[in-house]
Amino acid sequence: MNVEEVAREEKLAELEIVRQSLEDKNRRIWELAKRVELLEELLNRLAAQQGRLPQPQPLPAIREVPKRWAVR
């Protein structure tokens, strides 16, 4: 093997790693897009059933807690 062949083999290996990385990223993007579609569908269903679910209640007022420790 000469230097050109070794360099070519190394470059091909690098390109294969890049290709696999891109495939993994594309697969992950596809999975996330499917999740977004599912969540949008669920939100649309929930919005269509607005009258059937109880309305959220306001949070109780936060009162101050008495201090129990004094710093001297």
PDB file of N, CA and C in Angstrom:
ATOM      1  N   MET A   1       0.837  -1.193   0.000  1.00  0.00           N
ATOM      2  CA  MET A   1       0.000   0.000   0.000  1.00  0.00           C
ATOM      3  C   MET A   1       0.874   1.244   0.000  1.00  0.00           C
ATOM      4  N   ASN A   2       0.469   2.186  -0.791  1.00  0.00           N
ATOM      5  CA  ASN A   2       1.209   3.435  -0.788  1.00  0.00           C
ATOM      6  C   ASN A   2       0.436   4.494   0.019  1.00  0.00           C
ATOM      7  N   VAL A   3       0.990   5.662   0.100  1.00  0.00           N
ATOM      8  CA  VAL A   3       0.428   6.720   0.942  1.00  0.00           C
ATOM      9  C   VAL A   3      -0.954   7.141   0.444  1.00  0.00           C
ATOM     10  N   GLU A   4      -1.134   7.215  -0.895  1.00  0.00           N
ATOM     11  CA  GLU A   4      -2.426   7.632  -1.435  1.00  0.00           C
ATOM     12  C   GLU A   4      -3.533   6.651  -1.068  1.00  0.00           C
ATOM     13  N   GLU A   5      -3.241   5.361  -1.130  1.00  0.00           N
ATOM     14  CA  GLU A   5      -4.241   4.350  -0.793  1.00  0.00           C
ATOM     15  C   GLU A   5      -4.612   4.417   0.678  1.00  0.00           C
ATOM     16  N   VAL A   6      -3.625   4.608   1.543  1.00  0.00           N
ATOM     17  CA  VAL A   6      -3.894   4.714   2.985  1.00  0.00           C
ATOM     18  C   VAL A   6      -4.745   5.947   3.256  1.00  0.00           C
ATOM     19  N   ALA A   7      -4.401   7.079   2.637  1.00  0.00           N
ATOM     20  CA  ALA A   7      -5.163   8.306   2.827  1.00  0.00           C
ATOM     21  C   ALA A   7      -6.587   8.151   2.308  1.00  0.00           C
ATOM     22  N   ARG A   8      -6.727   7.440   1.170  1.00  0.00           N
ATOM     23  CA  ARG A   8      -8.062   7.210   0.606  1.00  0.00           C
ATOM     24  C   ARG A   8      -8.908   6.353   1.538  1.00  0.00           C
ATOM     25  N   GLU A   9      -8.332   5.291   2.058  1.00  0.00           N
ATOM     26  CA  GLU A   9      -9.050   4.412   2.987  1.00  0.00           C
ATOM     27  C   GLU A   9      -9.474   5.169   4.243  1.00  0.00           C
ATOM     28  N   GLU A  10      -8.571   5.992   4.736  1.00  0.00           N
ATOM     29  CA  GLU A  10      -8.877   6.768   5.942  1.00  0.00           C
ATOM     30  C   GLU A  10     -10.013   7.759   5.660  1.00  0.00           C
ATOM     31  N   LYS A  11      -9.974   8.414   4.521  1.00  0.00           N
ATOM     32  CA  LYS A  11     -11.023   9.364   4.148  1.00  0.00           C
ATOM     33  C   LYS A  11     -12.358   8.650   3.977  1.00  0.00           C
ATOM     34  N   LEU A  12     -12.339   7.461   3.384  1.00  0.00           N
ATOM     35  CA  LEU A  12     -13.581   6.690   3.234  1.00  0.00           C
ATOM     36  C   LEU A  12     -14.161   6.307   4.592  1.00  0.00           C
ATOM     37  N   ALA A  13     -13.294   5.946   5.536  1.00  0.00           N
ATOM     38  CA  ALA A  13     -13.755   5.618   6.881  1.00  0.00           C
ATOM     39  C   ALA A  13     -14.374   6.848   7.551  1.00  0.00           C
ATOM     40  N   GLU A  14     -13.745   8.012   7.382  1.00  0.00           N
ATOM     41  CA  GLU A  14     -14.301   9.248   7.948  1.00  0.00           C
ATOM     42  C   GLU A  14     -15.668   9.559   7.339  1.00  0.00           C
ATOM     43  N   LEU A  15     -15.778   9.392   6.019  1.00  0.00           N
ATOM     44  CA  LEU A  15     -17.052   9.661   5.355  1.00  0.00           C
ATOM     45  C   LEU A  15     -18.145   8.700   5.824  1.00  0.00           C
ATOM     46  N   GLU A  16     -17.791   7.462   6.071  1.00  0.00           N
ATOM     47  CA  GLU A  16     -18.764   6.491   6.579  1.00  0.00           C
ATOM     48  C   GLU A  16     -19.251   6.903   7.960  1.00  0.00           C
ATOM     49  N   ILE A  17     -18.356   7.370   8.815  1.00  0.00           N
ATOM     50  CA  ILE A  17     -18.741   7.831  10.149  1.00  0.00           C
ATOM     51  C   ILE A  17     -19.684   9.025  10.032  1.00  0.00           C
ATOM     52  N   VAL A  18     -19.372   9.960   9.148  1.00  0.00           N
ATOM     53  CA  VAL A  18     -20.229  11.135   8.947  1.00  0.00           C
ATOM     54  C   VAL A  18     -21.599  10.709   8.427  1.00  0.00           C
ATOM     55  N   ARG A  19     -21.613   9.760   7.486  1.00  0.00           N
ATOM     56  CA  ARG A  19     -22.886   9.275   6.936  1.00  0.00           C
ATOM     57  C   ARG A  19     -23.760   8.661   8.025  1.00  0.00           C
ATOM     58  N   GLN A  20     -23.149   7.826   8.880  1.00  0.00           N
ATOM     59  CA  GLN A  20     -23.902   7.209   9.967  1.00  0.00           C
ATOM     60  C   GLN A  20     -24.427   8.255  10.944  1.00  0.00           C
ATOM     61  N   SER A  21     -23.610   9.259  11.216  1.00  0.00           N
ATOM     62  CA  SER A  21     -24.032  10.327  12.114  1.00  0.00           C
ATOM     63  C   SER A  21     -25.231  11.073  11.544  1.00  0.00           C
ATOM     64  N   LEU A  22     -25.184  11.378  10.255  1.00  0.00           N
ATOM     65  CA  LEU A  22     -26.307  12.066   9.622  1.00  0.00           C
ATOM     66  C   LEU A  22     -27.565  11.207   9.622  1.00  0.00           C
ATOM     67  N   GLU A  23     -27.410   9.926   9.387  1.00  0.00           N
ATOM     68  CA  GLU A  23     -28.568   9.030   9.430  1.00  0.00           C
ATOM     69  C   GLU A  23     -29.184   9.012  10.821  1.00  0.00           C
ATOM     70  N   ASP A  24     -28.349   8.943  11.862  1.00  0.00           N
ATOM     71  CA  ASP A  24     -28.856   8.962  13.231  1.00  0.00           C
ATOM     72  C   ASP A  24     -29.592  10.266  13.530  1.00  0.00           C
ATOM     73  N   LYS A  25     -29.025  11.385  13.093  1.00  0.00           N
ATOM     74  CA  LYS A  25     -29.672  12.676  13.323  1.00  0.00           C
ATOM     75  C   LYS A  25     -30.997  12.770  12.571  1.00  0.00           C
ATOM     76  N   ASN A  26     -31.013  12.296  11.338  1.00  0.00           N
ATOM     77  CA  ASN A  26     -32.259  12.314  10.564  1.00  0.00           C
ATOM     78  C   ASN A  26     -33.323  11.444  11.213  1.00  0.00           C
ATOM     79  N   ARG A  27     -32.915  10.286  11.717  1.00  0.00           N
ATOM     80  CA  ARG A  27     -33.867   9.402  12.402  1.00  0.00           C
ATOM     81  C   ARG A  27     -34.420  10.075  13.648  1.00  0.00           C
ATOM     82  N   ARG A  28     -33.555  10.733  14.400  1.00  0.00           N
ATOM     83  CA  ARG A  28     -33.976  11.429  15.627  1.00  0.00           C
ATOM     84  C   ARG A  28     -34.934  12.580  15.294  1.00  0.00           C
ATOM     85  N   ILE A  29     -34.630  13.318  14.232  1.00  0.00           N
ATOM     86  CA  ILE A  29     -35.520  14.408  13.807  1.00  0.00           C
ATOM     87  C   ILE A  29     -36.881  13.844  13.410  1.00  0.00           C
ATOM     88  N   TRP A  30     -36.884  12.717  12.690  1.00  0.00           N
ATOM     89  CA  TRP A  30     -38.132  12.090  12.275  1.00  0.00           C
ATOM     90  C   TRP A  30     -38.942  11.666  13.506  1.00  0.00           C
ATOM     91  N   GLU A  31     -38.274  11.058  14.502  1.00  0.00           N
ATOM     92  CA  GLU A  31     -38.962  10.632  15.718  1.00  0.00           C
ATOM     93  C   GLU A  31     -39.553  11.831  16.459  1.00  0.00           C
ATOM     94  N   LEU A  32     -38.793  12.915  16.552  1.00  0.00           N
ATOM     95  CA  LEU A  32     -39.295  14.112  17.235  1.00  0.00           C
ATOM     96  C   LEU A  32     -40.471  14.725  16.479  1.00  0.00           C
ATOM     97  N   ALA A  33     -40.415  14.706  15.153  1.00  0.00           N
ATOM     98  CA  ALA A  33     -41.531  15.232  14.360  1.00  0.00           C
ATOM     99  C   ALA A  33     -42.792  14.403  14.604  1.00  0.00           C
ATOM    100  N   LYS A  34     -42.638  13.088  14.707  1.00  0.00           N
ATOM    101  CA  LYS A  34     -43.793  12.227  14.978  1.00  0.00           C
ATOM    102  C   LYS A  34     -44.366  12.523  16.370  1.00  0.00           C
ATOM    103  N   ARG A  35     -43.492  12.759  17.350  1.00  0.00           N
ATOM    104  CA  ARG A  35     -43.963  13.103  18.698  1.00  0.00           C
ATOM    105  C   ARG A  35     -44.728  14.427  18.678  1.00  0.00           C
ATOM    106  N   VAL A  36     -44.211  15.387  17.931  1.00  0.00           N
ATOM    107  CA  VAL A  36     -44.890  16.683  17.836  1.00  0.00           C
ATOM    108  C   VAL A  36     -46.273  16.501  17.220  1.00  0.00           C
ATOM    109  N   GLU A  37     -46.363  15.713  16.165  1.00  0.00           N
ATOM    110  CA  GLU A  37     -47.660  15.446  15.541  1.00  0.00           C
ATOM    111  C   GLU A  37     -48.616  14.808  16.534  1.00  0.00           C
ATOM    112  N   LEU A  38     -48.139  13.855  17.310  1.00  0.00           N
ATOM    113  CA  LEU A  38     -48.980  13.192  18.300  1.00  0.00           C
ATOM    114  C   LEU A  38     -49.452  14.172  19.364  1.00  0.00           C
ATOM    115  N   LEU A  39     -48.540  15.008  19.851  1.00  0.00           N
ATOM    116  CA  LEU A  39     -48.925  15.994  20.860  1.00  0.00           C
ATOM    117  C   LEU A  39     -49.915  17.016  20.303  1.00  0.00           C
ATOM    118  N   GLU A  40     -49.724  17.445  19.060  1.00  0.00           N
ATOM    119  CA  GLU A  40     -50.676  18.365  18.444  1.00  0.00           C
ATOM    120  C   GLU A  40     -52.056  17.726  18.342  1.00  0.00           C
ATOM    121  N   GLU A  41     -52.073  16.458  17.979  1.00  0.00           N
ATOM    122  CA  GLU A  41     -53.349  15.751  17.884  1.00  0.00           C
ATOM    123  C   GLU A  41     -54.030  15.667  19.247  1.00  0.00           C
ATOM    124  N   LEU A  42     -53.242  15.361  20.279  1.00  0.00           N
ATOM    125  CA  LEU A  42     -53.812  15.292  21.624  1.00  0.00           C
ATOM    126  C   LEU A  42     -54.335  16.649  22.081  1.00  0.00           C
ATOM    127  N   LEU A  43     -53.585  17.711  21.795  1.00  0.00           N
ATOM    128  CA  LEU A  43     -54.044  19.053  22.171  1.00  0.00           C
ATOM    129  C   LEU A  43     -55.312  19.433  21.415  1.00  0.00           C
ATOM    130  N   ASN A  44     -55.380  19.076  20.152  1.00  0.00           N
ATOM    131  CA  ASN A  44     -56.597  19.375  19.384  1.00  0.00           C
ATOM    132  C   ASN A  44     -57.800  18.624  19.942  1.00  0.00           C
ATOM    133  N   ARG A  45     -57.597  17.372  20.317  1.00  0.00           N
ATOM    134  CA  ARG A  45     -58.693  16.604  20.926  1.00  0.00           C
ATOM    135  C   ARG A  45     -59.127  17.231  22.240  1.00  0.00           C
ATOM    136  N   LEU A  46     -58.154  17.638  23.030  1.00  0.00           N
ATOM    137  CA  LEU A  46     -58.454  18.258  24.322  1.00  0.00           C
ATOM    138  C   LEU A  46     -59.202  19.571  24.127  1.00  0.00           C
ATOM    139  N   ALA A  47     -58.790  20.361  23.147  1.00  0.00           N
ATOM    140  CA  ALA A  47     -59.467  21.625  22.877  1.00  0.00           C
ATOM    141  C   ALA A  47     -60.902  21.377  22.421  1.00  0.00           C
ATOM    142  N   ALA A  48     -61.137  20.287  21.698  1.00  0.00           N
ATOM    143  CA  ALA A  48     -62.478  19.966  21.239  1.00  0.00           C
ATOM    144  C   ALA A  48     -63.375  19.551  22.401  1.00  0.00           C
ATOM    145  N   GLN A  49     -62.799  19.048  23.485  1.00  0.00           N
ATOM    146  CA  GLN A  49     -63.564  18.591  24.638  1.00  0.00           C
ATOM    147  C   GLN A  49     -63.561  19.625  25.760  1.00  0.00           C
ATOM    148  N   GLN A  50     -63.427  20.888  25.433  1.00  0.00           N
ATOM    149  CA  GLN A  50     -63.241  21.913  26.450  1.00  0.00           C
ATOM    150  C   GLN A  50     -64.295  21.875  27.547  1.00  0.00           C
ATOM    151  N   GLY A  51     -65.536  21.702  27.218  1.00  0.00           N
ATOM    152  CA  GLY A  51     -66.591  21.764  28.210  1.00  0.00           C
ATOM    153  C   GLY A  51     -66.629  20.575  29.146  1.00  0.00           C
ATOM    154  N   ARG A  52     -65.999  19.497  28.804  1.00  0.00           N
ATOM    155  CA  ARG A  52     -66.108  18.262  29.592  1.00  0.00           C
ATOM    156  C   ARG A  52     -65.111  18.174  30.734  1.00  0.00           C
ATOM    157  N   LEU A  53     -64.063  18.984  30.689  1.00  0.00           N
ATOM    158  CA  LEU A  53     -63.031  18.902  31.723  1.00  0.00           C
ATOM    159  C   LEU A  53     -63.209  20.028  32.730  1.00  0.00           C
ATOM    160  N   PRO A  54     -62.888  19.785  33.989  1.00  0.00           N
ATOM    161  CA  PRO A  54     -62.998  20.868  34.977  1.00  0.00           C
ATOM    162  C   PRO A  54     -61.961  21.954  34.694  1.00  0.00           C
ATOM    163  N   GLN A  55     -62.344  23.179  34.965  1.00  0.00           N
ATOM    164  CA  GLN A  55     -61.440  24.297  34.762  1.00  0.00           C
ATOM    165  C   GLN A  55     -60.366  24.286  35.836  1.00  0.00           C
ATOM    166  N   PRO A  56     -59.159  24.708  35.514  1.00  0.00           N
ATOM    167  CA  PRO A  56     -58.109  24.750  36.531  1.00  0.00           C
ATOM    168  C   PRO A  56     -58.441  25.775  37.610  1.00  0.00           C
ATOM    169  N   GLN A  57     -58.108  25.436  38.826  1.00  0.00           N
ATOM    170  CA  GLN A  57     -58.386  26.312  39.962  1.00  0.00           C
ATOM    171  C   GLN A  57     -57.214  27.253  40.186  1.00  0.00           C
ATOM    172  N   PRO A  58     -57.500  28.475  40.664  1.00  0.00           N
ATOM    173  CA  PRO A  58     -56.379  29.385  40.952  1.00  0.00           C
ATOM    174  C   PRO A  58     -55.541  28.859  42.108  1.00  0.00           C
ATOM    175  N   LEU A  59     -54.271  29.197  42.077  1.00  0.00           N
ATOM    176  CA  LEU A  59     -53.386  28.761  43.151  1.00  0.00           C
ATOM    177  C   LEU A  59     -53.745  29.486  44.443  1.00  0.00           C
ATOM    178  N   PRO A  60     -53.632  28.821  45.590  1.00  0.00           N
ATOM    179  CA  PRO A  60     -53.909  29.513  46.853  1.00  0.00           C
ATOM    180  C   PRO A  60     -52.868  30.611  47.077  1.00  0.00           C
ATOM    181  N   ALA A  61     -53.304  31.653  47.748  1.00  0.00           N
ATOM    182  CA  ALA A  61     -52.389  32.763  48.022  1.00  0.00           C
ATOM    183  C   ALA A  61     -51.247  32.276  48.912  1.00  0.00           C
ATOM    184  N   ILE A  62     -50.058  32.740  48.609  1.00  0.00           N
ATOM    185  CA  ILE A  62     -48.887  32.340  49.389  1.00  0.00           C
ATOM    186  C   ILE A  62     -48.762  33.299  50.573  1.00  0.00           C
ATOM    187  N   ARG A  63     -48.755  32.746  51.759  1.00  0.00           N
ATOM    188  CA  ARG A  63     -48.609  33.599  52.945  1.00  0.00           C
ATOM    189  C   ARG A  63     -47.211  33.432  53.494  1.00  0.00           C
ATOM    190  N   GLU A  64     -46.776  34.447  54.186  1.00  0.00           N
ATOM    191  CA  GLU A  64     -45.428  34.381  54.733  1.00  0.00           C
ATOM    192  C   GLU A  64     -45.391  33.431  55.922  1.00  0.00           C
ATOM    193  N   VAL A  65     -44.330  32.701  56.021  1.00  0.00           N
ATOM    194  CA  VAL A  65     -44.132  31.758  57.120  1.00  0.00           C
ATOM    195  C   VAL A  65     -43.383  32.498  58.228  1.00  0.00           C
ATOM    196  N   PRO A  66     -43.825  32.346  59.474  1.00  0.00           N
ATOM    197  CA  PRO A  66     -43.103  33.041  60.551  1.00  0.00           C
ATOM    198  C   PRO A  66     -41.671  32.528  60.664  1.00  0.00           C
ATOM    199  N   LYS A  67     -40.780  33.434  60.961  1.00  0.00           N
ATOM    200  CA  LYS A  67     -39.374  33.054  61.112  1.00  0.00           C
ATOM    201  C   LYS A  67     -39.187  32.394  62.462  1.00  0.00           C
ATOM    202  N   ARG A  68     -38.489  31.294  62.452  1.00  0.00           N
ATOM    203  CA  ARG A  68     -38.278  30.545  63.697  1.00  0.00           C
ATOM    204  C   ARG A  68     -36.859  30.684  64.215  1.00  0.00           C
ATOM    205  N   TRP A  69     -35.972  31.175  63.408  1.00  0.00           N
ATOM    206  CA  TRP A  69     -34.586  31.282  63.830  1.00  0.00           C
ATOM    207  C   TRP A  69     -34.156  32.739  63.725  1.00  0.00           C
ATOM    208  N   ALA A  70     -33.457  33.152  64.732  1.00  0.00           N
ATOM    209  CA  ALA A  70     -32.926  34.506  64.729  1.00  0.00           C
ATOM    210  C   ALA A  70     -31.425  34.433  64.606  1.00  0.00           C
ATOM    211  N   VAL A  71     -30.860  35.268  63.768  1.00  0.00           N
ATOM    212  CA  VAL A  71     -29.413  35.305  63.598  1.00  0.00           C
ATOM    213  C   VAL A  71     -28.872  36.451  64.428  1.00  0.00           C
ATOM    214  N   ARG A  72     -27.898  36.174  65.257  1.00  0.00           N
ATOM    215  CA  ARG A  72     -27.321  37.232  66.085  1.00  0.00           C
ATOM    216  C   ARG A  72     -25.972  37.624  65.587  1.00  0.00           C
TER     217      ARG A  72
END
